[in-house]
Amino acid sequence: MAQQQASTASTANYSSTDPVANLYRSILKREPDPVGYAFYSGNLNAGLTTLAGIEADLRKHAAGAGMARSEEHTSNSSHTV
């Protein structure tokens, strides 16, 4: 129950029309973390990046996370007898 409330509270922080939050949802399949959201939305609002730039960066992170999981799996399976 507490987990459901925490989940609901975290999703309530970001509008369904927020472009930065929507990039997190579509690329990373999760809600934005507060630090990452502040970084990207702050840079976007300051004119230091574009939505396309944020999208590219999040895709790099997603690919890196997938690679790390893949390497971990490979590493773990090589130790299995």
C-alpha atoms as a PDB file:
ATOM      1  CA  MET A   1       0.000   0.000   0.000  1.00  0.00           C
ATOM      2  CA  ALA A   2       2.786   2.446   0.886  1.00  0.00           C
ATOM      3  CA  GLN A   3       4.523   1.550  -2.375  1.00  0.00           C
ATOM      4  CA  GLN A   4       1.357   2.358  -4.313  1.00  0.00           C
ATOM      5  CA  GLN A   5       1.120   5.739  -2.594  1.00  0.00           C
ATOM      6  CA  ALA A   6       4.769   6.499  -3.326  1.00  0.00           C
ATOM      7  CA  SER A   7       4.281   5.491  -6.946  1.00  0.00           C
ATOM      8  CA  THR A   8       1.185   7.658  -7.258  1.00  0.00           C
ATOM      9  CA  ALA A   9       2.940  10.581  -5.608  1.00  0.00           C
ATOM     10  CA  SER A  10       5.906  10.364  -7.991  1.00  0.00           C
ATOM     11  CA  THR A  11       3.739  10.259 -11.095  1.00  0.00           C
ATOM     12  CA  ALA A  12       1.653  13.202  -9.867  1.00  0.00           C
ATOM     13  CA  ASN A  13       4.708  15.471  -9.937  1.00  0.00           C
ATOM     14  CA  TYR A  14       5.008  15.526 -13.720  1.00  0.00           C
ATOM     15  CA  SER A  15       2.289  16.518 -16.137  1.00  0.00           C
ATOM     16  CA  SER A  16       1.239  14.102 -18.839  1.00  0.00           C
ATOM     17  CA  THR A  17       1.976  16.896 -21.311  1.00  0.00           C
ATOM     18  CA  ASP A  18       5.452  17.700 -19.947  1.00  0.00           C
ATOM     19  CA  PRO A  19       7.845  17.025 -22.841  1.00  0.00           C
ATOM     20  CA  VAL A  20      10.840  16.152 -20.641  1.00  0.00           C
ATOM     21  CA  ALA A  21       8.806  13.755 -18.495  1.00  0.00           C
ATOM     22  CA  ASN A  22       7.328  12.198 -21.627  1.00  0.00           C
ATOM     23  CA  LEU A  23      10.821  11.564 -23.020  1.00  0.00           C
ATOM     24  CA  TYR A  24      11.722   9.727 -19.810  1.00  0.00           C
ATOM     25  CA  ARG A  25       8.533   7.684 -20.067  1.00  0.00           C
ATOM     26  CA  SER A  26       8.943   6.777 -23.718  1.00  0.00           C
ATOM     27  CA  ILE A  27      12.682   6.086 -23.721  1.00  0.00           C
ATOM     28  CA  LEU A  28      13.524   4.918 -20.203  1.00  0.00           C
ATOM     29  CA  LYS A  29      10.065   3.484 -19.437  1.00  0.00           C
ATOM     30  CA  ARG A  30       9.910   5.240 -16.070  1.00  0.00           C
ATOM     31  CA  GLU A  31       9.123   8.530 -14.422  1.00  0.00           C
ATOM     32  CA  PRO A  32      11.952  11.071 -14.301  1.00  0.00           C
ATOM     33  CA  ASP A  33      14.125  11.179 -11.218  1.00  0.00           C
ATOM     34  CA  PRO A  34      14.086  14.643  -9.597  1.00  0.00           C
ATOM     35  CA  VAL A  35      17.760  15.410 -10.253  1.00  0.00           C
ATOM     36  CA  GLY A  36      17.684  14.348 -13.902  1.00  0.00           C
ATOM     37  CA  TYR A  37      14.415  16.143 -14.510  1.00  0.00           C
ATOM     38  CA  ALA A  38      15.764  19.364 -12.970  1.00  0.00           C
ATOM     39  CA  PHE A  39      18.925  19.094 -15.082  1.00  0.00           C
ATOM     40  CA  TYR A  40      17.183  18.537 -18.398  1.00  0.00           C
ATOM     41  CA  SER A  41      14.254  20.903 -17.868  1.00  0.00           C
ATOM     42  CA  GLY A  42      16.582  23.598 -16.509  1.00  0.00           C
ATOM     43  CA  ASN A  43      18.876  23.322 -19.528  1.00  0.00           C
ATOM     44  CA  LEU A  44      15.893  23.295 -21.873  1.00  0.00           C
ATOM     45  CA  ASN A  45      14.372  26.394 -20.256  1.00  0.00           C
ATOM     46  CA  ALA A  46      17.741  28.183 -20.314  1.00  0.00           C
ATOM     47  CA  GLY A  47      18.154  27.455 -24.022  1.00  0.00           C
ATOM     48  CA  LEU A  48      21.203  25.262 -23.431  1.00  0.00           C
ATOM     49  CA  THR A  49      19.655  22.208 -25.094  1.00  0.00           C
ATOM     50  CA  THR A  50      16.700  21.142 -27.204  1.00  0.00           C
ATOM     51  CA  LEU A  51      14.192  18.342 -26.850  1.00  0.00           C
ATOM     52  CA  ALA A  52      16.099  16.515 -29.590  1.00  0.00           C
ATOM     53  CA  GLY A  53      19.295  16.866 -27.547  1.00  0.00           C
ATOM     54  CA  ILE A  54      17.586  15.530 -24.426  1.00  0.00           C
ATOM     55  CA  GLU A  55      16.138  12.652 -26.425  1.00  0.00           C
ATOM     56  CA  ALA A  56      19.566  11.741 -27.807  1.00  0.00           C
ATOM     57  CA  ASP A  57      21.118  11.867 -24.339  1.00  0.00           C
ATOM     58  CA  LEU A  58      18.398   9.701 -22.782  1.00  0.00           C
ATOM     59  CA  ARG A  59      18.767   7.173 -25.611  1.00  0.00           C
ATOM     60  CA  LYS A  60      22.510   6.995 -24.881  1.00  0.00           C
ATOM     61  CA  HIS A  61      21.739   6.365 -21.222  1.00  0.00           C
ATOM     62  CA  ALA A  62      19.194   3.691 -22.142  1.00  0.00           C
ATOM     63  CA  ALA A  63      21.685   1.973 -24.459  1.00  0.00           C
ATOM     64  CA  GLY A  64      24.389   2.165 -21.801  1.00  0.00           C
ATOM     65  CA  ALA A  65      22.086   0.684 -19.174  1.00  0.00           C
ATOM     66  CA  GLY A  66      21.200  -2.166 -21.521  1.00  0.00           C
ATOM     67  CA  MET A  67      24.870  -2.761 -22.236  1.00  0.00           C
ATOM     68  CA  ALA A  68      25.674  -2.822 -18.515  1.00  0.00           C
ATOM     69  CA  ARG A  69      22.931  -5.389 -17.884  1.00  0.00           C
ATOM     70  CA  SER A  70      24.141  -7.451 -20.824  1.00  0.00           C
ATOM     71  CA  GLU A  71      27.747  -7.366 -19.601  1.00  0.00           C
ATOM     72  CA  GLU A  72      26.629  -8.265 -16.081  1.00  0.00           C
ATOM     73  CA  HIS A  73      24.685 -11.235 -17.443  1.00  0.00           C
ATOM     74  CA  THR A  74      27.660 -12.352 -19.523  1.00  0.00           C
ATOM     75  CA  SER A  75      29.968 -11.927 -16.552  1.00  0.00           C
ATOM     76  CA  ASN A  76      27.641 -13.843 -14.223  1.00  0.00           C
ATOM     77  CA  SER A  77      27.016 -16.651 -16.674  1.00  0.00           C
ATOM     78  CA  SER A  78      30.737 -17.168 -17.269  1.00  0.00           C
ATOM     79  CA  HIS A  79      31.109 -17.968 -13.566  1.00  0.00           C
ATOM     80  CA  THR A  80      28.306 -20.529 -13.623  1.00  0.00           C
ATOM     81  CA  VAL A  81      29.461 -24.109 -13.695  1.00  0.00           C
END
